Every structure is written in C-alpha cells, then in structure tokens.
Amino acid sequence: MPSHLHKKFRWGTVFATGHRSFIEPVTGLRMKRTNHRTRVPIGLYPCHIEEKMAIKEVRGESVMQWMTKVTTKEGIVIQFSGKFCRYKLAMEEREKNKGLKEVWE
C-alpha cells in the first residue's frame, strides 16, 4: 500500500475550559469559545485535549495566552503553551516580543 494512503492524523475534540466568552481587544466584539475538532497524530490517539485561555493586561493592552493539556490513553499528561496543532507556540511569541517576556516570567 502506498505511503500517501496511510492515515497520519485522526479527528479529536478539543474541550474549551476557563473563559468561555471574552471581548476581542482589537474589535471590541464579544467572542464565544466552544469545543472544536482538530487533527491528532496517530501516535497520540486516543487522547483527551483541554485548552484553557488566560487574559492578562500588558502595558494597557489585553493579551491572551493559551495553555493546552493533552492526556493520553496511558495516562501521560503533556502540557504546553499555545494551541494544539496549527498555531505557533506562546514560547516563540515570548522570544519575539521582549515586553511580553517580562510579564510571563
């Protein structure tokens, strides 16, 4: 069987915890967070994914930080800053913006 036909990902649900709704700092519109589907690598499937959002004030601006917790079938817990999958990690953003680096530490 050709390698391009092998599944590399499965669909999983990301459960939103923490703030369920917030006001978008740039537009001033109220946004609602819901559970959503994402691609999970075959090696991690099945797993339970929780995504928590924290809002902090930095120099008069609201900054959102995402924390993700992945619990595998074997009970291994993986925690990292940022969103699961498609988004760059908060650690990379911290290194680029020195003002944020001081606040998070």
PDB file of N, CA and C in Angstrom:
ATOM      1  N   MET A   1       0.846  -1.180   0.000  1.00  0.00           N
ATOM      2  CA  MET A   1       0.000   0.000   0.000  1.00  0.00           C
ATOM      3  C   MET A   1       0.892   1.244   0.000  1.00  0.00           C
ATOM      4  N   PRO A   2       0.649   2.186  -0.880  1.00  0.00           N
ATOM      5  CA  PRO A   2       1.468   3.402  -0.940  1.00  0.00           C
ATOM      6  C   PRO A   2       1.398   4.209   0.362  1.00  0.00           C
ATOM      7  N   SER A   3       2.493   4.894   0.668  1.00  0.00           N
ATOM      8  CA  SER A   3       2.571   5.638   1.931  1.00  0.00           C
ATOM      9  C   SER A   3       1.600   6.809   1.982  1.00  0.00           C
ATOM     10  N   HIS A   4       1.209   7.372   0.837  1.00  0.00           N
ATOM     11  CA  HIS A   4       0.302   8.516   0.861  1.00  0.00           C
ATOM     12  C   HIS A   4      -1.129   8.106   1.230  1.00  0.00           C
ATOM     13  N   LEU A   5      -1.422   6.807   1.253  1.00  0.00           N
ATOM     14  CA  LEU A   5      -2.752   6.345   1.643  1.00  0.00           C
ATOM     15  C   LEU A   5      -2.856   6.039   3.138  1.00  0.00           C
ATOM     16  N   HIS A   6      -1.736   5.995   3.838  1.00  0.00           N
ATOM     17  CA  HIS A   6      -1.757   5.725   5.273  1.00  0.00           C
ATOM     18  C   HIS A   6      -2.252   6.951   6.023  1.00  0.00           C
ATOM     19  N   LYS A   7      -3.074   6.717   7.037  1.00  0.00           N
ATOM     20  CA  LYS A   7      -3.556   7.834   7.849  1.00  0.00           C
ATOM     21  C   LYS A   7      -2.434   8.336   8.743  1.00  0.00           C
ATOM     22  N   LYS A   8      -2.263   9.643   8.793  1.00  0.00           N
ATOM     23  CA  LYS A   8      -1.269  10.249   9.665  1.00  0.00           C
ATOM     24  C   LYS A   8      -1.936  10.938  10.842  1.00  0.00           C
ATOM     25  N   PHE A   9      -3.212  11.307  10.664  1.00  0.00           N
ATOM     26  CA  PHE A   9      -3.949  12.005  11.703  1.00  0.00           C
ATOM     27  C   PHE A   9      -5.329  11.387  11.856  1.00  0.00           C
ATOM     28  N   ARG A  10      -5.924  11.585  13.043  1.00  0.00           N
ATOM     29  CA  ARG A  10      -7.321  11.254  13.285  1.00  0.00           C
ATOM     30  C   ARG A  10      -7.981  12.497  13.844  1.00  0.00           C
ATOM     31  N   TRP A  11      -9.286  12.548  13.801  1.00  0.00           N
ATOM     32  CA  TRP A  11     -10.006  13.704  14.319  1.00  0.00           C
ATOM     33  C   TRP A  11     -10.250  13.530  15.810  1.00  0.00           C
ATOM     34  N   GLY A  12      -9.982  14.594  16.576  1.00  0.00           N
ATOM     35  CA  GLY A  12     -10.239  14.611  18.006  1.00  0.00           C
ATOM     36  C   GLY A  12     -10.948  15.894  18.385  1.00  0.00           C
ATOM     37  N   THR A  13     -11.518  15.926  19.586  1.00  0.00           N
ATOM     38  CA  THR A  13     -12.238  17.100  20.069  1.00  0.00           C
ATOM     39  C   THR A  13     -11.391  17.828  21.097  1.00  0.00           C
ATOM     40  N   VAL A  14     -11.275  19.142  20.950  1.00  0.00           N
ATOM     41  CA  VAL A  14     -10.581  19.987  21.925  1.00  0.00           C
ATOM     42  C   VAL A  14     -11.658  20.616  22.798  1.00  0.00           C
ATOM     43  N   PHE A  15     -11.560  20.390  24.121  1.00  0.00           N
ATOM     44  CA  PHE A  15     -12.549  20.908  25.055  1.00  0.00           C
ATOM     45  C   PHE A  15     -12.083  22.252  25.595  1.00  0.00           C
ATOM     46  N   ALA A  16     -12.911  23.274  25.457  1.00  0.00           N
ATOM     47  CA  ALA A  16     -12.583  24.622  25.920  1.00  0.00           C
ATOM     48  C   ALA A  16     -12.867  24.724  27.415  1.00  0.00           C
ATOM     49  N   THR A  17     -11.863  25.137  28.202  1.00  0.00           N
ATOM     50  CA  THR A  17     -12.040  25.360  29.634  1.00  0.00           C
ATOM     51  C   THR A  17     -11.622  26.789  29.945  1.00  0.00           C
ATOM     52  N   GLY A  18     -11.855  27.234  31.157  1.00  0.00           N
ATOM     53  CA  GLY A  18     -11.504  28.607  31.526  1.00  0.00           C
ATOM     54  C   GLY A  18     -12.556  29.575  31.031  1.00  0.00           C
ATOM     55  N   HIS A  19     -12.128  30.735  30.516  1.00  0.00           N
ATOM     56  CA  HIS A  19     -13.052  31.746  29.994  1.00  0.00           C
ATOM     57  C   HIS A  19     -13.808  31.179  28.799  1.00  0.00           C
ATOM     58  N   ARG A  20     -15.138  31.149  28.872  1.00  0.00           N
ATOM     59  CA  ARG A  20     -15.930  30.659  27.748  1.00  0.00           C
ATOM     60  C   ARG A  20     -16.266  31.784  26.771  1.00  0.00           C
ATOM     61  N   SER A  21     -16.282  33.023  27.250  1.00  0.00           N
ATOM     62  CA  SER A  21     -16.519  34.150  26.350  1.00  0.00           C
ATOM     63  C   SER A  21     -15.615  35.301  26.773  1.00  0.00           C
ATOM     64  N   PHE A  22     -15.277  36.153  25.827  1.00  0.00           N
ATOM     65  CA  PHE A  22     -14.388  37.278  26.100  1.00  0.00           C
ATOM     66  C   PHE A  22     -14.646  38.354  25.063  1.00  0.00           C
ATOM     67  N   ILE A  23     -14.137  39.554  25.327  1.00  0.00           N
ATOM     68  CA  ILE A  23     -14.280  40.660  24.385  1.00  0.00           C
ATOM     69  C   ILE A  23     -12.972  40.800  23.613  1.00  0.00           C
ATOM     70  N   GLU A  24     -13.058  40.719  22.307  1.00  0.00           N
ATOM     71  CA  GLU A  24     -11.885  40.834  21.438  1.00  0.00           C
ATOM     72  C   GLU A  24     -11.274  42.215  21.622  1.00  0.00           C
ATOM     73  N   PRO A  25      -9.970  42.302  22.019  1.00  0.00           N
ATOM     74  CA  PRO A  25      -9.355  43.603  22.297  1.00  0.00           C
ATOM     75  C   PRO A  25      -9.322  44.553  21.096  1.00  0.00           C
ATOM     76  N   VAL A  26      -9.100  44.047  19.911  1.00  0.00           N
ATOM     77  CA  VAL A  26      -8.934  44.907  18.737  1.00  0.00           C
ATOM     78  C   VAL A  26     -10.274  45.450  18.246  1.00  0.00           C
ATOM     79  N   THR A  27     -11.256  44.565  18.083  1.00  0.00           N
ATOM     80  CA  THR A  27     -12.537  44.975  17.504  1.00  0.00           C
ATOM     81  C   THR A  27     -13.576  45.374  18.538  1.00  0.00           C
ATOM     82  N   GLY A  28     -13.411  44.923  19.789  1.00  0.00           N
ATOM     83  CA  GLY A  28     -14.393  45.213  20.828  1.00  0.00           C
ATOM     84  C   GLY A  28     -15.621  44.319  20.767  1.00  0.00           C
ATOM     85  N   LEU A  29     -15.580  43.257  19.956  1.00  0.00           N
ATOM     86  CA  LEU A  29     -16.713  42.347  19.823  1.00  0.00           C
ATOM     87  C   LEU A  29     -16.612  41.209  20.833  1.00  0.00           C
ATOM     88  N   ARG A  30     -17.768  40.740  21.302  1.00  0.00           N
ATOM     89  CA  ARG A  30     -17.790  39.605  22.226  1.00  0.00           C
ATOM     90  C   ARG A  30     -17.614  38.314  21.427  1.00  0.00           C
ATOM     91  N   MET A  31     -16.664  37.499  21.859  1.00  0.00           N
ATOM     92  CA  MET A  31     -16.376  36.227  21.200  1.00  0.00           C
ATOM     93  C   MET A  31     -16.719  35.100  22.164  1.00  0.00           C
ATOM     94  N   LYS A  32     -17.220  33.995  21.648  1.00  0.00           N
ATOM     95  CA  LYS A  32     -17.563  32.841  22.467  1.00  0.00           C
ATOM     96  C   LYS A  32     -16.692  31.663  22.059  1.00  0.00           C
ATOM     97  N   ARG A  33     -16.073  31.025  23.041  1.00  0.00           N
ATOM     98  CA  ARG A  33     -15.243  29.857  22.775  1.00  0.00           C
ATOM     99  C   ARG A  33     -16.087  28.602  22.923  1.00  0.00           C
ATOM    100  N   THR A  34     -15.917  27.664  22.021  1.00  0.00           N
ATOM    101  CA  THR A  34     -16.645  26.403  22.071  1.00  0.00           C
ATOM    102  C   THR A  34     -15.668  25.255  21.853  1.00  0.00           C
ATOM    103  N   ASN A  35     -16.144  24.050  22.094  1.00  0.00           N
ATOM    104  CA  ASN A  35     -15.348  22.877  21.769  1.00  0.00           C
ATOM    105  C   ASN A  35     -15.210  22.807  20.249  1.00  0.00           C
ATOM    106  N   HIS A  36     -14.074  22.325  19.774  1.00  0.00           N
ATOM    107  CA  HIS A  36     -13.880  22.230  18.333  1.00  0.00           C
ATOM    108  C   HIS A  36     -13.071  20.989  17.986  1.00  0.00           C
ATOM    109  N   ARG A  37     -13.112  20.619  16.725  1.00  0.00           N
ATOM    110  CA  ARG A  37     -12.384  19.449  16.251  1.00  0.00           C
ATOM    111  C   ARG A  37     -10.994  19.854  15.777  1.00  0.00           C
ATOM    112  N   THR A  38     -10.050  18.946  15.946  1.00  0.00           N
ATOM    113  CA  THR A  38      -8.695  19.177  15.467  1.00  0.00           C
ATOM    114  C   THR A  38      -8.092  17.846  15.034  1.00  0.00           C
ATOM    115  N   ARG A  39      -7.006  17.927  14.299  1.00  0.00           N
ATOM    116  CA  ARG A  39      -6.315  16.710  13.880  1.00  0.00           C
ATOM    117  C   ARG A  39      -5.350  16.281  14.978  1.00  0.00           C
ATOM    118  N   VAL A  40      -5.366  14.987  15.308  1.00  0.00           N
ATOM    119  CA  VAL A  40      -4.497  14.422  16.340  1.00  0.00           C
ATOM    120  C   VAL A  40      -3.584  13.405  15.665  1.00  0.00           C
ATOM    121  N   PRO A  41      -2.260  13.478  15.899  1.00  0.00           N
ATOM    122  CA  PRO A  41      -1.357  12.486  15.311  1.00  0.00           C
ATOM    123  C   PRO A  41      -1.727  11.072  15.766  1.00  0.00           C
ATOM    124  N   ILE A  42      -1.529  10.090  14.901  1.00  0.00           N
ATOM    125  CA  ILE A  42      -1.894   8.703  15.197  1.00  0.00           C
ATOM    126  C   ILE A  42      -1.232   8.223  16.489  1.00  0.00           C
ATOM    127  N   GLY A  43      -0.003   8.646  16.762  1.00  0.00           N
ATOM    128  CA  GLY A  43       0.705   8.209  17.962  1.00  0.00           C
ATOM    129  C   GLY A  43       0.063   8.673  19.258  1.00  0.00           C
ATOM    130  N   LEU A  44      -0.674   9.773  19.239  1.00  0.00           N
ATOM    131  CA  LEU A  44      -1.329  10.289  20.443  1.00  0.00           C
ATOM    132  C   LEU A  44      -2.782   9.849  20.575  1.00  0.00           C
ATOM    133  N   TYR A  45      -3.361   9.317  19.492  1.00  0.00           N
ATOM    134  CA  TYR A  45      -4.784   8.980  19.517  1.00  0.00           C
ATOM    135  C   TYR A  45      -4.993   7.655  20.227  1.00  0.00           C
ATOM    136  N   PRO A  46      -5.985   7.410  21.071  1.00  0.00           N
ATOM    137  CA  PRO A  46      -6.978   8.365  21.562  1.00  0.00           C
ATOM    138  C   PRO A  46      -6.414   9.175  22.719  1.00  0.00           C
ATOM    139  N   CYS A  47      -6.821  10.407  22.834  1.00  0.00           N
ATOM    140  CA  CYS A  47      -6.371  11.275  23.910  1.00  0.00           C
ATOM    141  C   CYS A  47      -7.466  12.280  24.250  1.00  0.00           C
ATOM    142  N   HIS A  48      -7.313  12.938  25.402  1.00  0.00           N
ATOM    143  CA  HIS A  48      -8.255  13.968  25.851  1.00  0.00           C
ATOM    144  C   HIS A  48      -7.500  15.295  25.832  1.00  0.00           C
ATOM    145  N   ILE A  49      -8.033  16.288  25.116  1.00  0.00           N
ATOM    146  CA  ILE A  49      -7.349  17.573  24.956  1.00  0.00           C
ATOM    147  C   ILE A  49      -8.191  18.668  25.591  1.00  0.00           C
ATOM    148  N   GLU A  50      -7.576  19.438  26.502  1.00  0.00           N
ATOM    149  CA  GLU A  50      -8.239  20.591  27.108  1.00  0.00           C
ATOM    150  C   GLU A  50      -7.439  21.838  26.768  1.00  0.00           C
ATOM    151  N   GLU A  51      -8.135  22.904  26.424  1.00  0.00           N
ATOM    152  CA  GLU A  51      -7.495  24.160  26.050  1.00  0.00           C
ATOM    153  C   GLU A  51      -8.031  25.259  26.967  1.00  0.00           C
ATOM    154  N   LYS A  52      -7.129  25.941  27.664  1.00  0.00           N
ATOM    155  CA  LYS A  52      -7.528  26.986  28.601  1.00  0.00           C
ATOM    156  C   LYS A  52      -6.959  28.321  28.139  1.00  0.00           C
ATOM    157  N   MET A  53      -7.766  29.370  28.262  1.00  0.00           N
ATOM    158  CA  MET A  53      -7.332  30.696  27.844  1.00  0.00           C
ATOM    159  C   MET A  53      -7.239  31.600  29.065  1.00  0.00           C
ATOM    160  N   ALA A  54      -6.160  32.353  29.165  1.00  0.00           N
ATOM    161  CA  ALA A  54      -5.996  33.352  30.222  1.00  0.00           C
ATOM    162  C   ALA A  54      -5.784  34.710  29.567  1.00  0.00           C
ATOM    163  N   ILE A  55      -6.399  35.741  30.141  1.00  0.00           N
ATOM    164  CA  ILE A  55      -6.262  37.097  29.610  1.00  0.00           C
ATOM    165  C   ILE A  55      -5.501  37.935  30.631  1.00  0.00           C
ATOM    166  N   LYS A  56      -4.433  38.599  30.198  1.00  0.00           N
ATOM    167  CA  LYS A  56      -3.636  39.458  31.074  1.00  0.00           C
ATOM    168  C   LYS A  56      -3.522  40.839  30.458  1.00  0.00           C
ATOM    169  N   GLU A  57      -3.313  41.829  31.309  1.00  0.00           N
ATOM    170  CA  GLU A  57      -3.107  43.205  30.851  1.00  0.00           C
ATOM    171  C   GLU A  57      -1.605  43.467  30.766  1.00  0.00           C
ATOM    172  N   VAL A  58      -1.126  43.867  29.599  1.00  0.00           N
ATOM    173  CA  VAL A  58       0.281  44.187  29.386  1.00  0.00           C
ATOM    174  C   VAL A  58       0.356  45.580  28.790  1.00  0.00           C
ATOM    175  N   ARG A  59       0.892  46.521  29.561  1.00  0.00           N
ATOM    176  CA  ARG A  59       1.043  47.908  29.109  1.00  0.00           C
ATOM    177  C   ARG A  59      -0.262  48.471  28.542  1.00  0.00           C
ATOM    178  N   GLY A  60      -1.356  48.196  29.237  1.00  0.00           N
ATOM    179  CA  GLY A  60      -2.652  48.725  28.827  1.00  0.00           C
ATOM    180  C   GLY A  60      -3.359  47.941  27.740  1.00  0.00           C
ATOM    181  N   GLU A  61      -2.783  46.856  27.272  1.00  0.00           N
ATOM    182  CA  GLU A  61      -3.404  46.035  26.237  1.00  0.00           C
ATOM    183  C   GLU A  61      -3.736  44.661  26.799  1.00  0.00           C
ATOM    184  N   SER A  62      -4.848  44.092  26.363  1.00  0.00           N
ATOM    185  CA  SER A  62      -5.222  42.736  26.764  1.00  0.00           C
ATOM    186  C   SER A  62      -4.471  41.737  25.893  1.00  0.00           C
ATOM    187  N   VAL A  63      -3.826  40.767  26.556  1.00  0.00           N
ATOM    188  CA  VAL A  63      -3.078  39.739  25.846  1.00  0.00           C
ATOM    189  C   VAL A  63      -3.655  38.388  26.244  1.00  0.00           C
ATOM    190  N   MET A  64      -3.914  37.530  25.247  1.00  0.00           N
ATOM    191  CA  MET A  64      -4.460  36.206  25.511  1.00  0.00           C
ATOM    192  C   MET A  64      -3.349  35.170  25.466  1.00  0.00           C
ATOM    193  N   GLN A  65      -3.344  34.274  26.462  1.00  0.00           N
ATOM    194  CA  GLN A  65      -2.378  33.184  26.498  1.00  0.00           C
ATOM    195  C   GLN A  65      -3.159  31.873  26.487  1.00  0.00           C
ATOM    196  N   TRP A  66      -2.742  30.947  25.654  1.00  0.00           N
ATOM    197  CA  TRP A  66      -3.407  29.653  25.539  1.00  0.00           C
ATOM    198  C   TRP A  66      -2.548  28.592  26.197  1.00  0.00           C
ATOM    199  N   MET A  67      -3.162  27.755  27.043  1.00  0.00           N
ATOM    200  CA  MET A  67      -2.484  26.620  27.662  1.00  0.00           C
ATOM    201  C   MET A  67      -3.232  25.363  27.241  1.00  0.00           C
ATOM    202  N   THR A  68      -2.511  24.357  26.780  1.00  0.00           N
ATOM    203  CA  THR A  68      -3.124  23.124  26.308  1.00  0.00           C
ATOM    204  C   THR A  68      -2.634  21.960  27.154  1.00  0.00           C
ATOM    205  N   LYS A  69      -3.570  21.081  27.529  1.00  0.00           N
ATOM    206  CA  LYS A  69      -3.256  19.894  28.322  1.00  0.00           C
ATOM    207  C   LYS A  69      -3.762  18.680  27.557  1.00  0.00           C
ATOM    208  N   VAL A  70      -2.854  17.765  27.232  1.00  0.00           N
ATOM    209  CA  VAL A  70      -3.193  16.553  26.491  1.00  0.00           C
ATOM    210  C   VAL A  70      -2.975  15.363  27.416  1.00  0.00           C
ATOM    211  N   THR A  71      -4.013  14.544  27.621  1.00  0.00           N
ATOM    212  CA  THR A  71      -3.918  13.335  28.437  1.00  0.00           C
ATOM    213  C   THR A  71      -4.078  12.138  27.509  1.00  0.00           C
ATOM    214  N   THR A  72      -3.044  11.291  27.440  1.00  0.00           N
ATOM    215  CA  THR A  72      -3.081  10.140  26.540  1.00  0.00           C
ATOM    216  C   THR A  72      -3.818   8.978  27.194  1.00  0.00           C
ATOM    217  N   LYS A  73      -4.035   7.930  26.419  1.00  0.00           N
ATOM    218  CA  LYS A  73      -4.743   6.744  26.899  1.00  0.00           C
ATOM    219  C   LYS A  73      -3.989   6.077  28.047  1.00  0.00           C
ATOM    220  N   GLU A  74      -2.666   6.138  28.014  1.00  0.00           N
ATOM    221  CA  GLU A  74      -1.842   5.522  29.056  1.00  0.00           C
ATOM    222  C   GLU A  74      -1.794   6.354  30.333  1.00  0.00           C
ATOM    223  N   GLY A  75      -2.361   7.558  30.318  1.00  0.00           N
ATOM    224  CA  GLY A  75      -2.373   8.422  31.495  1.00  0.00           C
ATOM    225  C   GLY A  75      -1.246   9.440  31.513  1.00  0.00           C
ATOM    226  N   ILE A  76      -0.489   9.548  30.451  1.00  0.00           N
ATOM    227  CA  ILE A  76       0.599  10.522  30.372  1.00  0.00           C
ATOM    228  C   ILE A  76       0.001  11.898  30.091  1.00  0.00           C
ATOM    229  N   VAL A  77       0.413  12.895  30.884  1.00  0.00           N
ATOM    230  CA  VAL A  77      -0.102  14.255  30.728  1.00  0.00           C
ATOM    231  C   VAL A  77       0.972  15.117  30.076  1.00  0.00           C
ATOM    232  N   ILE A  78       0.616  15.788  28.982  1.00  0.00           N
ATOM    233  CA  ILE A  78       1.521  16.687  28.270  1.00  0.00           C
ATOM    234  C   ILE A  78       0.916  18.079  28.341  1.00  0.00           C
ATOM    235  N   GLN A  79       1.677  19.051  28.866  1.00  0.00           N
ATOM    236  CA  GLN A  79       1.198  20.427  28.939  1.00  0.00           C
ATOM    237  C   GLN A  79       2.147  21.317  28.159  1.00  0.00           C
ATOM    238  N   PHE A  80       1.589  22.244  27.393  1.00  0.00           N
ATOM    239  CA  PHE A  80       2.425  23.198  26.681  1.00  0.00           C
ATOM    240  C   PHE A  80       1.661  24.478  26.442  1.00  0.00           C
ATOM    241  N   SER A  81       2.419  25.554  26.242  1.00  0.00           N
ATOM    242  CA  SER A  81       1.819  26.851  25.943  1.00  0.00           C
ATOM    243  C   SER A  81       1.441  26.886  24.479  1.00  0.00           C
ATOM    244  N   GLY A  82       0.343  27.502  24.175  1.00  0.00           N
ATOM    245  CA  GLY A  82      -0.096  27.627  22.792  1.00  0.00           C
ATOM    246  C   GLY A  82      -1.260  26.720  22.490  1.00  0.00           C
ATOM    247  N   LYS A  83      -1.733  26.798  21.261  1.00  0.00           N
ATOM    248  CA  LYS A  83      -2.853  25.973  20.831  1.00  0.00           C
ATOM    249  C   LYS A  83      -2.335  24.644  20.314  1.00  0.00           C
ATOM    250  N   PHE A  84      -3.205  23.668  20.318  1.00  0.00           N
ATOM    251  CA  PHE A  84      -2.852  22.343  19.818  1.00  0.00           C
ATOM    252  C   PHE A  84      -2.827  22.379  18.295  1.00  0.00           C
ATOM    253  N   CYS A  85      -1.763  21.928  17.696  1.00  0.00           N
ATOM    254  CA  CYS A  85      -1.627  21.786  16.242  1.00  0.00           C
ATOM    255  C   CYS A  85      -1.312  23.096  15.543  1.00  0.00           C
ATOM    256  N   ARG A  86      -2.160  23.647  14.784  1.00  0.00           N
ATOM    257  CA  ARG A  86      -1.911  24.621  13.725  1.00  0.00           C
ATOM    258  C   ARG A  86      -1.371  25.980  14.131  1.00  0.00           C
ATOM    259  N   TYR A  87      -1.192  26.289  15.382  1.00  0.00           N
ATOM    260  CA  TYR A  87      -0.798  27.631  15.778  1.00  0.00           C
ATOM    261  C   TYR A  87       0.595  27.622  16.392  1.00  0.00           C
ATOM    262  N   LYS A  88       1.334  28.724  16.245  1.00  0.00           N
ATOM    263  CA  LYS A  88       2.674  28.756  16.825  1.00  0.00           C
ATOM    264  C   LYS A  88       2.571  28.867  18.343  1.00  0.00           C
ATOM    265  N   LEU A  89       3.565  28.362  19.020  1.00  0.00           N
ATOM    266  CA  LEU A  89       3.540  28.304  20.477  1.00  0.00           C
ATOM    267  C   LEU A  89       3.764  29.671  21.099  1.00  0.00           C
ATOM    268  N   ALA A  90       3.220  29.850  22.297  1.00  0.00           N
ATOM    269  CA  ALA A  90       3.382  31.107  23.018  1.00  0.00           C
ATOM    270  C   ALA A  90       4.851  31.353  23.358  1.00  0.00           C
ATOM    271  N   MET A  91       5.643  30.297  23.503  1.00  0.00           N
ATOM    272  CA  MET A  91       7.069  30.456  23.799  1.00  0.00           C
ATOM    273  C   MET A  91       7.759  31.216  22.664  1.00  0.00           C
ATOM    274  N   GLU A  92       7.421  30.911  21.423  1.00  0.00           N
ATOM    275  CA  GLU A  92       8.023  31.603  20.286  1.00  0.00           C
ATOM    276  C   GLU A  92       7.600  33.069  20.267  1.00  0.00           C
ATOM    277  N   GLU A  93       6.350  33.332  20.637  1.00  0.00           N
ATOM    278  CA  GLU A  93       5.870  34.707  20.676  1.00  0.00           C
ATOM    279  C   GLU A  93       6.588  35.492  21.766  1.00  0.00           C
ATOM    280  N   ARG A  94       6.856  34.832  22.904  1.00  0.00           N
ATOM    281  CA  ARG A  94       7.554  35.496  24.003  1.00  0.00           C
ATOM    282  C   ARG A  94       8.951  35.935  23.581  1.00  0.00           C
ATOM    283  N   GLU A  95       9.649  35.084  22.851  1.00  0.00           N
ATOM    284  CA  GLU A  95      11.010  35.415  22.429  1.00  0.00           C
ATOM    285  C   GLU A  95      11.027  36.599  21.469  1.00  0.00           C
ATOM    286  N   LYS A  96       9.994  36.739  20.645  1.00  0.00           N
ATOM    287  CA  LYS A  96       9.944  37.836  19.687  1.00  0.00           C
ATOM    288  C   LYS A  96       9.598  39.160  20.350  1.00  0.00           C
ATOM    289  N   ASN A  97       8.745  39.133  21.357  1.00  0.00           N
ATOM    290  CA  ASN A  97       8.287  40.358  21.994  1.00  0.00           C
ATOM    291  C   ASN A  97       8.859  40.429  23.407  1.00  0.00           C
ATOM    292  N   LYS A  98       9.869  41.256  23.624  1.00  0.00           N
ATOM    293  CA  LYS A  98      10.550  41.311  24.913  1.00  0.00           C
ATOM    294  C   LYS A  98       9.665  41.873  26.017  1.00  0.00           C
ATOM    295  N   GLY A  99       8.686  42.711  25.668  1.00  0.00           N
ATOM    296  CA  GLY A  99       7.757  43.240  26.667  1.00  0.00           C
ATOM    297  C   GLY A  99       6.907  42.140  27.281  1.00  0.00           C
ATOM    298  N   LEU A 100       6.495  41.191  26.466  1.00  0.00           N
ATOM    299  CA  LEU A 100       5.711  40.069  26.979  1.00  0.00           C
ATOM    300  C   LEU A 100       6.567  39.130  27.810  1.00  0.00           C
ATOM    301  N   LYS A 101       7.829  39.000  27.448  1.00  0.00           N
ATOM    302  CA  LYS A 101       8.722  38.080  28.143  1.00  0.00           C
ATOM    303  C   LYS A 101       8.832  38.437  29.622  1.00  0.00           C
ATOM    304  N   GLU A 102       8.886  39.735  29.927  1.00  0.00           N
ATOM    305  CA  GLU A 102       8.988  40.172  31.318  1.00  0.00           C
ATOM    306  C   GLU A 102       7.725  39.834  32.098  1.00  0.00           C
ATOM    307  N   VAL A 103       6.564  39.942  31.480  1.00  0.00           N
ATOM    308  CA  VAL A 103       5.294  39.709  32.173  1.00  0.00           C
ATOM    309  C   VAL A 103       5.086  38.242  32.492  1.00  0.00           C
ATOM    310  N   TRP A 104       5.383  37.343  31.543  1.00  0.00           N
ATOM    311  CA  TRP A 104       5.106  35.925  31.743  1.00  0.00           C
ATOM    312  C   TRP A 104       6.069  35.283  32.731  1.00  0.00           C
ATOM    313  N   GLU A 105       7.248  35.865  32.953  1.00  0.00           N
ATOM    314  CA  GLU A 105       8.225  35.253  33.867  1.00  0.00           C
ATOM    315  C   GLU A 105       8.016  35.674  35.266  1.00  0.00           C
TER     316      GLU A 105
END
